[in-house]
Amino acid sequence: WGFLVVGTLAVFGLGRRLLDPAAGLLAAFLFATAPFVVFSLLHFQLD
C-alpha cells in the first residue's frame, strides 16, 4: 500500500508539473485504478 501511495503521488506530481493539476489528478486516478496495479496489490510481486 505504501508503494501505491508513493506511485500515485508521484504520478500526480508529474502530471501537475508537466500539464496542470486536473491532468495530474486524472493521471493519478488512472494509475491507482489500473487493473494491473490492483492485481499487484493482491498478489505480491516487485512490479
ModelCIF file with pLDDT and N, C-alpha, C, O atoms, coordinates in Angstrom:
data_MODEL
#
_entry.id   MODEL 
#
_entity.id                         1 
_entity.type                       polymer 
_entity.pdbx_number_of_molecules   1 
#
_entity_poly.entity_id                      1 
_entity_poly.type                           'polypeptide(L)' 
_entity_poly.nstd_linkage                   no 
_entity_poly.nstd_monomer                   no 
_entity_poly.pdbx_seq_one_letter_code       WGFLVVGTLAVFGLGRRLLDPAAGLLAAFLFATAPFVVFSLLHFQLD 
_entity_poly.pdbx_seq_one_letter_code_can   WGFLVVGTLAVFGLGRRLLDPAAGLLAAFLFATAPFVVFSLLHFQLD 
_entity_poly.pdbx_strand_id                 A 
#
loop_
_entity_poly_seq.entity_id 
_entity_poly_seq.num 
_entity_poly_seq.mon_id 
_entity_poly_seq.hetero 
1 1  TRP n 
1 2  GLY n 
1 3  PHE n 
1 4  LEU n 
1 5  VAL n 
1 6  VAL n 
1 7  GLY n 
1 8  THR n 
1 9  LEU n 
1 10 ALA n 
1 11 VAL n 
1 12 PHE n 
1 13 GLY n 
1 14 LEU n 
1 15 GLY n 
1 16 ARG n 
1 17 ARG n 
1 18 LEU n 
1 19 LEU n 
1 20 ASP n 
1 21 PRO n 
1 22 ALA n 
1 23 ALA n 
1 24 GLY n 
1 25 LEU n 
1 26 LEU n 
1 27 ALA n 
1 28 ALA n 
1 29 PHE n 
1 30 LEU n 
1 31 PHE n 
1 32 ALA n 
1 33 THR n 
1 34 ALA n 
1 35 PRO n 
1 36 PHE n 
1 37 VAL n 
1 38 VAL n 
1 39 PHE n 
1 40 SER n 
1 41 LEU n 
1 42 LEU n 
1 43 HIS n 
1 44 PHE n 
1 45 GLN n 
1 46 LEU n 
1 47 ASP n 
#
_struct_asym.id          A 
_struct_asym.entity_id   1 
#
loop_
_ma_qa_metric.id 
_ma_qa_metric.mode 
_ma_qa_metric.name 
_ma_qa_metric.software_group_id 
_ma_qa_metric.type 
1 global pLDDT . pLDDT 
2 local  pLDDT . pLDDT 
#
_ma_qa_metric_global.metric_id      1 
_ma_qa_metric_global.metric_value   92.00 
_ma_qa_metric_global.model_id       1 
_ma_qa_metric_global.ordinal_id     1 
#
loop_
_ma_qa_metric_local.label_asym_id 
_ma_qa_metric_local.label_comp_id 
_ma_qa_metric_local.label_seq_id 
_ma_qa_metric_local.metric_id 
_ma_qa_metric_local.metric_value 
_ma_qa_metric_local.model_id 
_ma_qa_metric_local.ordinal_id 
A TRP 1  2 86.00 1 1  
A GLY 2  2 90.00 1 2  
A PHE 3  2 90.00 1 3  
A LEU 4  2 92.00 1 4  
A VAL 5  2 94.00 1 5  
A VAL 6  2 93.00 1 6  
A GLY 7  2 93.00 1 7  
A THR 8  2 94.00 1 8  
A LEU 9  2 95.00 1 9  
A ALA 10 2 95.00 1 10 
A VAL 11 2 94.00 1 11 
A PHE 12 2 96.00 1 12 
A GLY 13 2 94.00 1 13 
A LEU 14 2 93.00 1 14 
A GLY 15 2 94.00 1 15 
A ARG 16 2 94.00 1 16 
A ARG 17 2 92.00 1 17 
A LEU 18 2 92.00 1 18 
A LEU 19 2 93.00 1 19 
A ASP 20 2 93.00 1 20 
A PRO 21 2 94.00 1 21 
A ALA 22 2 95.00 1 22 
A ALA 23 2 94.00 1 23 
A GLY 24 2 94.00 1 24 
A LEU 25 2 96.00 1 25 
A LEU 26 2 96.00 1 26 
A ALA 27 2 94.00 1 27 
A ALA 28 2 95.00 1 28 
A PHE 29 2 96.00 1 29 
A LEU 30 2 95.00 1 30 
A PHE 31 2 93.00 1 31 
A ALA 32 2 93.00 1 32 
A THR 33 2 93.00 1 33 
A ALA 34 2 92.00 1 34 
A PRO 35 2 92.00 1 35 
A PHE 36 2 89.00 1 36 
A VAL 37 2 90.00 1 37 
A VAL 38 2 89.00 1 38 
A PHE 39 2 90.00 1 39 
A SER 40 2 87.00 1 40 
A LEU 41 2 87.00 1 41 
A LEU 42 2 87.00 1 42 
A HIS 43 2 87.00 1 43 
A PHE 44 2 85.00 1 44 
A GLN 45 2 86.00 1 45 
A LEU 46 2 89.00 1 46 
A ASP 47 2 89.00 1 47 
#
loop_
_atom_site.group_PDB 
_atom_site.id 
_atom_site.type_symbol 
_atom_site.label_atom_id 
_atom_site.label_alt_id 
_atom_site.label_comp_id 
_atom_site.label_asym_id 
_atom_site.label_entity_id 
_atom_site.label_seq_id 
_atom_site.pdbx_PDB_ins_code 
_atom_site.Cartn_x 
_atom_site.Cartn_y 
_atom_site.Cartn_z 
_atom_site.occupancy 
_atom_site.B_iso_or_equiv 
_atom_site.pdbx_formal_charge 
_atom_site.auth_seq_id 
_atom_site.auth_comp_id 
_atom_site.auth_asym_id 
_atom_site.auth_atom_id 
_atom_site.pdbx_PDB_model_num 
ATOM 1   N N  . TRP A 1 1  ? 0.834  -1.213  0.000   1.00 86.00 ? 1  TRP A N  1 
ATOM 2   C CA . TRP A 1 1  ? 0.000  0.000   0.000   1.00 86.00 ? 1  TRP A CA 1 
ATOM 3   C C  . TRP A 1 1  ? 0.864  1.257   0.000   1.00 86.00 ? 1  TRP A C  1 
ATOM 4   O O  . TRP A 1 1  ? 0.494  2.270   -0.593  1.00 86.00 ? 1  TRP A O  1 
ATOM 5   N N  . GLY A 1 2  ? 1.998  1.190   0.656   1.00 90.00 ? 2  GLY A N  1 
ATOM 6   C CA . GLY A 1 2  ? 2.902  2.333   0.647   1.00 90.00 ? 2  GLY A CA 1 
ATOM 7   C C  . GLY A 1 2  ? 3.421  2.652   -0.748  1.00 90.00 ? 2  GLY A C  1 
ATOM 8   O O  . GLY A 1 2  ? 3.519  3.816   -1.137  1.00 90.00 ? 2  GLY A O  1 
ATOM 9   N N  . PHE A 1 3  ? 3.752  1.604   -1.494  1.00 90.00 ? 3  PHE A N  1 
ATOM 10  C CA . PHE A 1 3  ? 4.200  1.822   -2.871  1.00 90.00 ? 3  PHE A CA 1 
ATOM 11  C C  . PHE A 1 3  ? 3.072  2.371   -3.738  1.00 90.00 ? 3  PHE A C  1 
ATOM 12  O O  . PHE A 1 3  ? 3.318  3.164   -4.647  1.00 90.00 ? 3  PHE A O  1 
ATOM 13  N N  . LEU A 1 4  ? 1.841  1.955   -3.465  1.00 92.00 ? 4  LEU A N  1 
ATOM 14  C CA . LEU A 1 4  ? 0.706  2.516   -4.204  1.00 92.00 ? 4  LEU A CA 1 
ATOM 15  C C  . LEU A 1 4  ? 0.567  4.006   -3.921  1.00 92.00 ? 4  LEU A C  1 
ATOM 16  O O  . LEU A 1 4  ? 0.330  4.793   -4.838  1.00 92.00 ? 4  LEU A O  1 
ATOM 17  N N  . VAL A 1 5  ? 0.711  4.397   -2.665  1.00 94.00 ? 5  VAL A N  1 
ATOM 18  C CA . VAL A 1 5  ? 0.608  5.808   -2.305  1.00 94.00 ? 5  VAL A CA 1 
ATOM 19  C C  . VAL A 1 5  ? 1.747  6.603   -2.931  1.00 94.00 ? 5  VAL A C  1 
ATOM 20  O O  . VAL A 1 5  ? 1.520  7.674   -3.494  1.00 94.00 ? 5  VAL A O  1 
ATOM 21  N N  . VAL A 1 6  ? 2.966  6.088   -2.836  1.00 93.00 ? 6  VAL A N  1 
ATOM 22  C CA . VAL A 1 6  ? 4.123  6.789   -3.410  1.00 93.00 ? 6  VAL A CA 1 
ATOM 23  C C  . VAL A 1 6  ? 3.967  6.935   -4.923  1.00 93.00 ? 6  VAL A C  1 
ATOM 24  O O  . VAL A 1 6  ? 4.194  8.014   -5.470  1.00 93.00 ? 6  VAL A O  1 
ATOM 25  N N  . GLY A 1 7  ? 3.581  5.859   -5.593  1.00 93.00 ? 7  GLY A N  1 
ATOM 26  C CA . GLY A 1 7  ? 3.401  5.910   -7.041  1.00 93.00 ? 7  GLY A CA 1 
ATOM 27  C C  . GLY A 1 7  ? 2.298  6.855   -7.456  1.00 93.00 ? 7  GLY A C  1 
ATOM 28  O O  . GLY A 1 7  ? 2.444  7.594   -8.429  1.00 93.00 ? 7  GLY A O  1 
ATOM 29  N N  . THR A 1 8  ? 1.186  6.840   -6.722  1.00 94.00 ? 8  THR A N  1 
ATOM 30  C CA . THR A 1 8  ? 0.058  7.709   -7.057  1.00 94.00 ? 8  THR A CA 1 
ATOM 31  C C  . THR A 1 8  ? 0.430  9.175   -6.865  1.00 94.00 ? 8  THR A C  1 
ATOM 32  O O  . THR A 1 8  ? 0.108  10.013  -7.708  1.00 94.00 ? 8  THR A O  1 
ATOM 33  N N  . LEU A 1 9  ? 1.109  9.492   -5.756  1.00 95.00 ? 9  LEU A N  1 
ATOM 34  C CA . LEU A 1 9  ? 1.522  10.877  -5.528  1.00 95.00 ? 9  LEU A CA 1 
ATOM 35  C C  . LEU A 1 9  ? 2.569  11.333  -6.542  1.00 95.00 ? 9  LEU A C  1 
ATOM 36  O O  . LEU A 1 9  ? 2.559  12.489  -6.966  1.00 95.00 ? 9  LEU A O  1 
ATOM 37  N N  . ALA A 1 10 ? 3.464  10.439  -6.927  1.00 95.00 ? 10 ALA A N  1 
ATOM 38  C CA . ALA A 1 10 ? 4.473  10.808  -7.928  1.00 95.00 ? 10 ALA A CA 1 
ATOM 39  C C  . ALA A 1 10 ? 3.839  11.048  -9.293  1.00 95.00 ? 10 ALA A C  1 
ATOM 40  O O  . ALA A 1 10 ? 4.224  11.977  -10.002 1.00 95.00 ? 10 ALA A O  1 
ATOM 41  N N  . VAL A 1 11 ? 2.875  10.219  -9.662  1.00 94.00 ? 11 VAL A N  1 
ATOM 42  C CA . VAL A 1 11 ? 2.195  10.414  -10.945 1.00 94.00 ? 11 VAL A CA 1 
ATOM 43  C C  . VAL A 1 11 ? 1.381  11.713  -10.917 1.00 94.00 ? 11 VAL A C  1 
ATOM 44  O O  . VAL A 1 11 ? 1.336  12.450  -11.902 1.00 94.00 ? 11 VAL A O  1 
ATOM 45  N N  . PHE A 1 12 ? 0.740  11.980  -9.773  1.00 96.00 ? 12 PHE A N  1 
ATOM 46  C CA . PHE A 1 12 ? 0.010  13.243  -9.645  1.00 96.00 ? 12 PHE A CA 1 
ATOM 47  C C  . PHE A 1 12 ? 0.952  14.436  -9.776  1.00 96.00 ? 12 PHE A C  1 
ATOM 48  O O  . PHE A 1 12 ? 0.659  15.383  -10.506 1.00 96.00 ? 12 PHE A O  1 
ATOM 49  N N  . GLY A 1 13 ? 2.092  14.393  -9.066  1.00 94.00 ? 13 GLY A N  1 
ATOM 50  C CA . GLY A 1 13 ? 3.048  15.491  -9.136  1.00 94.00 ? 13 GLY A CA 1 
ATOM 51  C C  . GLY A 1 13 ? 3.632  15.677  -10.520 1.00 94.00 ? 13 GLY A C  1 
ATOM 52  O O  . GLY A 1 13 ? 3.848  16.805  -10.963 1.00 94.00 ? 13 GLY A O  1 
ATOM 53  N N  . LEU A 1 14 ? 3.888  14.583  -11.201 1.00 93.00 ? 14 LEU A N  1 
ATOM 54  C CA . LEU A 1 14 ? 4.433  14.669  -12.563 1.00 93.00 ? 14 LEU A CA 1 
ATOM 55  C C  . LEU A 1 14 ? 3.412  15.263  -13.522 1.00 93.00 ? 14 LEU A C  1 
ATOM 56  O O  . LEU A 1 14 ? 3.752  16.120  -14.338 1.00 93.00 ? 14 LEU A O  1 
ATOM 57  N N  . GLY A 1 15 ? 2.164  14.816  -13.430 1.00 94.00 ? 15 GLY A N  1 
ATOM 58  C CA . GLY A 1 15 ? 1.118  15.374  -14.286 1.00 94.00 ? 15 GLY A CA 1 
ATOM 59  C C  . GLY A 1 15 ? 0.863  16.837  -13.998 1.00 94.00 ? 15 GLY A C  1 
ATOM 60  O O  . GLY A 1 15 ? 0.649  17.632  -14.913 1.00 94.00 ? 15 GLY A O  1 
ATOM 61  N N  . ARG A 1 16 ? 0.887  17.196  -12.701 1.00 94.00 ? 16 ARG A N  1 
ATOM 62  C CA . ARG A 1 16 ? 0.669  18.593  -12.330 1.00 94.00 ? 16 ARG A CA 1 
ATOM 63  C C  . ARG A 1 16 ? 1.819  19.464  -12.803 1.00 94.00 ? 16 ARG A C  1 
ATOM 64  O O  . ARG A 1 16 ? 1.607  20.597  -13.234 1.00 94.00 ? 16 ARG A O  1 
ATOM 65  N N  . ARG A 1 17 ? 3.032  18.942  -12.727 1.00 92.00 ? 17 ARG A N  1 
ATOM 66  C CA . ARG A 1 17 ? 4.200  19.730  -13.137 1.00 92.00 ? 17 ARG A CA 1 
ATOM 67  C C  . ARG A 1 17 ? 4.266  19.907  -14.650 1.00 92.00 ? 17 ARG A C  1 
ATOM 68  O O  . ARG A 1 17 ? 4.604  20.987  -15.133 1.00 92.00 ? 17 ARG A O  1 
ATOM 69  N N  . LEU A 1 18 ? 3.947  18.860  -15.396 1.00 92.00 ? 18 LEU A N  1 
ATOM 70  C CA . LEU A 1 18 ? 4.073  18.927  -16.850 1.00 92.00 ? 18 LEU A CA 1 
ATOM 71  C C  . LEU A 1 18 ? 2.870  19.572  -17.525 1.00 92.00 ? 18 LEU A C  1 
ATOM 72  O O  . LEU A 1 18 ? 3.026  20.252  -18.540 1.00 92.00 ? 18 LEU A O  1 
ATOM 73  N N  . LEU A 1 19 ? 1.660  19.370  -16.975 1.00 93.00 ? 19 LEU A N  1 
ATOM 74  C CA . LEU A 1 19 ? 0.465  19.939  -17.601 1.00 93.00 ? 19 LEU A CA 1 
ATOM 75  C C  . LEU A 1 19 ? -0.254 20.884  -16.650 1.00 93.00 ? 19 LEU A C  1 
ATOM 76  O O  . LEU A 1 19 ? 0.016  22.085  -16.653 1.00 93.00 ? 19 LEU A O  1 
ATOM 77  N N  . ASP A 1 20 ? -1.163 20.360  -15.839 1.00 93.00 ? 20 ASP A N  1 
ATOM 78  C CA . ASP A 1 20 ? -1.899 21.166  -14.869 1.00 93.00 ? 20 ASP A CA 1 
ATOM 79  C C  . ASP A 1 20 ? -2.448 20.255  -13.777 1.00 93.00 ? 20 ASP A C  1 
ATOM 80  O O  . ASP A 1 20 ? -2.375 19.034  -13.913 1.00 93.00 ? 20 ASP A O  1 
ATOM 81  N N  . PRO A 1 21 ? -2.995 20.813  -12.698 1.00 94.00 ? 21 PRO A N  1 
ATOM 82  C CA . PRO A 1 21 ? -3.479 19.965  -11.601 1.00 94.00 ? 21 PRO A CA 1 
ATOM 83  C C  . PRO A 1 21 ? -4.580 18.987  -12.011 1.00 94.00 ? 21 PRO A C  1 
ATOM 84  O O  . PRO A 1 21 ? -4.638 17.876  -11.484 1.00 94.00 ? 21 PRO A O  1 
ATOM 85  N N  . ALA A 1 22 ? -5.447 19.376  -12.933 1.00 95.00 ? 22 ALA A N  1 
ATOM 86  C CA . ALA A 1 22 ? -6.511 18.464  -13.366 1.00 95.00 ? 22 ALA A CA 1 
ATOM 87  C C  . ALA A 1 22 ? -5.924 17.244  -14.080 1.00 95.00 ? 22 ALA A C  1 
ATOM 88  O O  . ALA A 1 22 ? -6.389 16.122  -13.878 1.00 95.00 ? 22 ALA A O  1 
ATOM 89  N N  . ALA A 1 23 ? -4.921 17.459  -14.900 1.00 94.00 ? 23 ALA A N  1 
ATOM 90  C CA . ALA A 1 23 ? -4.279 16.346  -15.588 1.00 94.00 ? 23 ALA A CA 1 
ATOM 91  C C  . ALA A 1 23 ? -3.550 15.445  -14.590 1.00 94.00 ? 23 ALA A C  1 
ATOM 92  O O  . ALA A 1 23 ? -3.555 14.224  -14.741 1.00 94.00 ? 23 ALA A O  1 
ATOM 93  N N  . GLY A 1 24 ? -2.930 16.034  -13.584 1.00 94.00 ? 24 GLY A N  1 
ATOM 94  C CA . GLY A 1 24 ? -2.269 15.244  -12.559 1.00 94.00 ? 24 GLY A CA 1 
ATOM 95  C C  . GLY A 1 24 ? -3.252 14.395  -11.771 1.00 94.00 ? 24 GLY A C  1 
ATOM 96  O O  . GLY A 1 24 ? -2.964 13.243  -11.447 1.00 94.00 ? 24 GLY A O  1 
ATOM 97  N N  . LEU A 1 25 ? -4.405 14.959  -11.464 1.00 96.00 ? 25 LEU A N  1 
ATOM 98  C CA . LEU A 1 25 ? -5.421 14.211  -10.741 1.00 96.00 ? 25 LEU A CA 1 
ATOM 99  C C  . LEU A 1 25 ? -5.962 13.063  -11.583 1.00 96.00 ? 25 LEU A C  1 
ATOM 100 O O  . LEU A 1 25 ? -6.156 11.961  -11.070 1.00 96.00 ? 25 LEU A O  1 
ATOM 101 N N  . LEU A 1 26 ? -6.205 13.304  -12.858 1.00 96.00 ? 26 LEU A N  1 
ATOM 102 C CA . LEU A 1 26 ? -6.682 12.243  -13.743 1.00 96.00 ? 26 LEU A CA 1 
ATOM 103 C C  . LEU A 1 26 ? -5.624 11.141  -13.900 1.00 96.00 ? 26 LEU A C  1 
ATOM 104 O O  . LEU A 1 26 ? -5.947 9.954   -13.872 1.00 96.00 ? 26 LEU A O  1 
ATOM 105 N N  . ALA A 1 27 ? -4.378 11.542  -14.062 1.00 94.00 ? 27 ALA A N  1 
ATOM 106 C CA . ALA A 1 27 ? -3.302 10.545  -14.196 1.00 94.00 ? 27 ALA A CA 1 
ATOM 107 C C  . ALA A 1 27 ? -3.168 9.710   -12.928 1.00 94.00 ? 27 ALA A C  1 
ATOM 108 O O  . ALA A 1 27 ? -2.967 8.498   -13.008 1.00 94.00 ? 27 ALA A O  1 
ATOM 109 N N  . ALA A 1 28 ? -3.275 10.337  -11.765 1.00 95.00 ? 28 ALA A N  1 
ATOM 110 C CA . ALA A 1 28 ? -3.176 9.608   -10.504 1.00 95.00 ? 28 ALA A CA 1 
ATOM 111 C C  . ALA A 1 28 ? -4.346 8.646   -10.338 1.00 95.00 ? 28 ALA A C  1 
ATOM 112 O O  . ALA A 1 28 ? -4.163 7.523   -9.869  1.00 95.00 ? 28 ALA A O  1 
ATOM 113 N N  . PHE A 1 29 ? -5.537 9.073   -10.715 1.00 96.00 ? 29 PHE A N  1 
ATOM 114 C CA . PHE A 1 29 ? -6.708 8.195   -10.639 1.00 96.00 ? 29 PHE A CA 1 
ATOM 115 C C  . PHE A 1 29 ? -6.548 6.997   -11.564 1.00 96.00 ? 29 PHE A C  1 
ATOM 116 O O  . PHE A 1 29 ? -6.810 5.862   -11.166 1.00 96.00 ? 29 PHE A O  1 
ATOM 117 N N  . LEU A 1 30 ? -6.119 7.246   -12.797 1.00 95.00 ? 30 LEU A N  1 
ATOM 118 C CA . LEU A 1 30 ? -5.943 6.154   -13.745 1.00 95.00 ? 30 LEU A CA 1 
ATOM 119 C C  . LEU A 1 30 ? -4.838 5.206   -13.299 1.00 95.00 ? 30 LEU A C  1 
ATOM 120 O O  . LEU A 1 30 ? -4.939 3.996   -13.505 1.00 95.00 ? 30 LEU A O  1 
ATOM 121 N N  . PHE A 1 31 ? -3.789 5.743   -12.693 1.00 93.00 ? 31 PHE A N  1 
ATOM 122 C CA . PHE A 1 31 ? -2.717 4.887   -12.184 1.00 93.00 ? 31 PHE A CA 1 
ATOM 123 C C  . PHE A 1 31 ? -3.218 3.999   -11.055 1.00 93.00 ? 31 PHE A C  1 
ATOM 124 O O  . PHE A 1 31 ? -2.986 2.790   -11.057 1.00 93.00 ? 31 PHE A O  1 
ATOM 125 N N  . ALA A 1 32 ? -3.902 4.599   -10.096 1.00 93.00 ? 32 ALA A N  1 
ATOM 126 C CA . ALA A 1 32 ? -4.318 3.855   -8.904  1.00 93.00 ? 32 ALA A CA 1 
ATOM 127 C C  . ALA A 1 32 ? -5.394 2.818   -9.202  1.00 93.00 ? 32 ALA A C  1 
ATOM 128 O O  . ALA A 1 32 ? -5.521 1.837   -8.469  1.00 93.00 ? 32 ALA A O  1 
ATOM 129 N N  . THR A 1 33 ? -6.160 3.016   -10.251 1.00 93.00 ? 33 THR A N  1 
ATOM 130 C CA . THR A 1 33 ? -7.244 2.076   -10.562 1.00 93.00 ? 33 THR A CA 1 
ATOM 131 C C  . THR A 1 33 ? -6.935 1.182   -11.753 1.00 93.00 ? 33 THR A C  1 
ATOM 132 O O  . THR A 1 33 ? -7.808 0.456   -12.230 1.00 93.00 ? 33 THR A O  1 
ATOM 133 N N  . ALA A 1 34 ? -5.705 1.228   -12.234 1.00 92.00 ? 34 ALA A N  1 
ATOM 134 C CA . ALA A 1 34 ? -5.336 0.358   -13.359 1.00 92.00 ? 34 ALA A CA 1 
ATOM 135 C C  . ALA A 1 34 ? -5.425 -1.107  -12.920 1.00 92.00 ? 34 ALA A C  1 
ATOM 136 O O  . ALA A 1 34 ? -5.032 -1.440  -11.802 1.00 92.00 ? 34 ALA A O  1 
ATOM 137 N N  . PRO A 1 35 ? -5.934 -1.977  -13.783 1.00 92.00 ? 35 PRO A N  1 
ATOM 138 C CA . PRO A 1 35 ? -6.119 -3.376  -13.384 1.00 92.00 ? 35 PRO A CA 1 
ATOM 139 C C  . PRO A 1 35 ? -4.851 -4.064  -12.901 1.00 92.00 ? 35 PRO A C  1 
ATOM 140 O O  . PRO A 1 35 ? -4.904 -4.838  -11.945 1.00 92.00 ? 35 PRO A O  1 
ATOM 141 N N  . PHE A 1 36 ? -3.730 -3.805  -13.526 1.00 89.00 ? 36 PHE A N  1 
ATOM 142 C CA . PHE A 1 36 ? -2.511 -4.477  -13.097 1.00 89.00 ? 36 PHE A CA 1 
ATOM 143 C C  . PHE A 1 36 ? -2.031 -3.963  -11.742 1.00 89.00 ? 36 PHE A C  1 
ATOM 144 O O  . PHE A 1 36 ? -1.446 -4.716  -10.964 1.00 89.00 ? 36 PHE A O  1 
ATOM 145 N N  . VAL A 1 37 ? -2.273 -2.692  -11.459 1.00 90.00 ? 37 VAL A N  1 
ATOM 146 C CA . VAL A 1 37 ? -1.898 -2.148  -10.151 1.00 90.00 ? 37 VAL A CA 1 
ATOM 147 C C  . VAL A 1 37 ? -2.744 -2.797  -9.063  1.00 90.00 ? 37 VAL A C  1 
ATOM 148 O O  . VAL A 1 37 ? -2.228 -3.168  -8.009  1.00 90.00 ? 37 VAL A O  1 
ATOM 149 N N  . VAL A 1 38 ? -4.040 -2.933  -9.317  1.00 89.00 ? 38 VAL A N  1 
ATOM 150 C CA . VAL A 1 38 ? -4.917 -3.591  -8.347  1.00 89.00 ? 38 VAL A CA 1 
ATOM 151 C C  . VAL A 1 38 ? -4.521 -5.058  -8.178  1.00 89.00 ? 38 VAL A C  1 
ATOM 152 O O  . VAL A 1 38 ? -4.527 -5.579  -7.063  1.00 89.00 ? 38 VAL A O  1 
ATOM 153 N N  . PHE A 1 39 ? -4.181 -5.716  -9.271  1.00 90.00 ? 39 PHE A N  1 
ATOM 154 C CA . PHE A 1 39 ? -3.731 -7.101  -9.194  1.00 90.00 ? 39 PHE A CA 1 
ATOM 155 C C  . PHE A 1 39 ? -2.438 -7.215  -8.380  1.00 90.00 ? 39 PHE A C  1 
ATOM 156 O O  . PHE A 1 39 ? -2.264 -8.154  -7.604  1.00 90.00 ? 39 PHE A O  1 
ATOM 157 N N  . SER A 1 40 ? -1.538 -6.250  -8.565  1.00 87.00 ? 40 SER A N  1 
ATOM 158 C CA . SER A 1 40 ? -0.276 -6.282  -7.829  1.00 87.00 ? 40 SER A CA 1 
ATOM 159 C C  . SER A 1 40 ? -0.478 -6.037  -6.337  1.00 87.00 ? 40 SER A C  1 
ATOM 160 O O  . SER A 1 40 ? 0.330  -6.480  -5.520  1.00 87.00 ? 40 SER A O  1 
ATOM 161 N N  . LEU A 1 41 ? -1.546 -5.338  -5.982  1.00 87.00 ? 41 LEU A N  1 
ATOM 162 C CA . LEU A 1 41 ? -1.849 -5.162  -4.563  1.00 87.00 ? 41 LEU A CA 1 
ATOM 163 C C  . LEU A 1 41 ? -2.288 -6.465  -3.915  1.00 87.00 ? 41 LEU A C  1 
ATOM 164 O O  . LEU A 1 41 ? -2.022 -6.704  -2.737  1.00 87.00 ? 41 LEU A O  1 
ATOM 165 N N  . LEU A 1 42 ? -2.953 -7.293  -4.681  1.00 87.00 ? 42 LEU A N  1 
ATOM 166 C CA . LEU A 1 42 ? -3.490 -8.534  -4.139  1.00 87.00 ? 42 LEU A CA 1 
ATOM 167 C C  . LEU A 1 42 ? -2.479 -9.673  -4.145  1.00 87.00 ? 42 LEU A C  1 
ATOM 168 O O  . LEU A 1 42 ? -2.546 -10.565 -3.300  1.00 87.00 ? 42 LEU A O  1 
ATOM 169 N N  . HIS A 1 43 ? -1.560 -9.652  -5.074  1.00 87.00 ? 43 HIS A N  1 
ATOM 170 C CA . HIS A 1 43 ? -0.558 -10.706 -5.210  1.00 87.00 ? 43 HIS A CA 1 
ATOM 171 C C  . HIS A 1 43 ? 0.820  -10.057 -5.169  1.00 87.00 ? 43 HIS A C  1 
ATOM 172 O O  . HIS A 1 43 ? 1.128  -9.186  -5.982  1.00 87.00 ? 43 HIS A O  1 
ATOM 173 N N  . PHE A 1 44 ? 1.645  -10.485 -4.221  1.00 85.00 ? 44 PHE A N  1 
ATOM 174 C CA . PHE A 1 44 ? 2.944  -9.843  -4.042  1.00 85.00 ? 44 PHE A CA 1 
ATOM 175 C C  . PHE A 1 44 ? 3.849  -10.111 -5.240  1.00 85.00 ? 44 PHE A C  1 
ATOM 176 O O  . PHE A 1 44 ? 4.134  -11.256 -5.591  1.00 85.00 ? 44 PHE A O  1 
ATOM 177 N N  . GLN A 1 45 ? 4.285  -9.028  -5.847  1.00 86.00 ? 45 GLN A N  1 
ATOM 178 C CA . GLN A 1 45 ? 5.263  -9.036  -6.929  1.00 86.00 ? 45 GLN A CA 1 
ATOM 179 C C  . GLN A 1 45 ? 6.077  -7.758  -6.786  1.00 86.00 ? 45 GLN A C  1 
ATOM 180 O O  . GLN A 1 45 ? 5.665  -6.840  -6.078  1.00 86.00 ? 45 GLN A O  1 
ATOM 181 N N  . LEU A 1 46 ? 7.198  -7.689  -7.433  1.00 89.00 ? 46 LEU A N  1 
ATOM 182 C CA . LEU A 1 46 ? 8.010  -6.472  -7.375  1.00 89.00 ? 46 LEU A CA 1 
ATOM 183 C C  . LEU A 1 46 ? 7.648  -5.468  -8.460  1.00 89.00 ? 46 LEU A C  1 
ATOM 184 O O  . LEU A 1 46 ? 8.341  -4.465  -8.631  1.00 89.00 ? 46 LEU A O  1 
ATOM 185 N N  . ASP A 1 47 ? 6.576  -5.725  -9.191  1.00 89.00 ? 47 ASP A N  1 
ATOM 186 C CA . ASP A 1 47 ? 6.216  -4.811  -10.264 1.00 89.00 ? 47 ASP A CA 1 
ATOM 187 C C  . ASP A 1 47 ? 5.635  -3.495  -9.743  1.00 89.00 ? 47 ASP A C  1 
ATOM 188 O O  . ASP A 1 47 ? 5.283  -2.620  -10.534 1.00 89.00 ? 47 ASP A O  1 
#
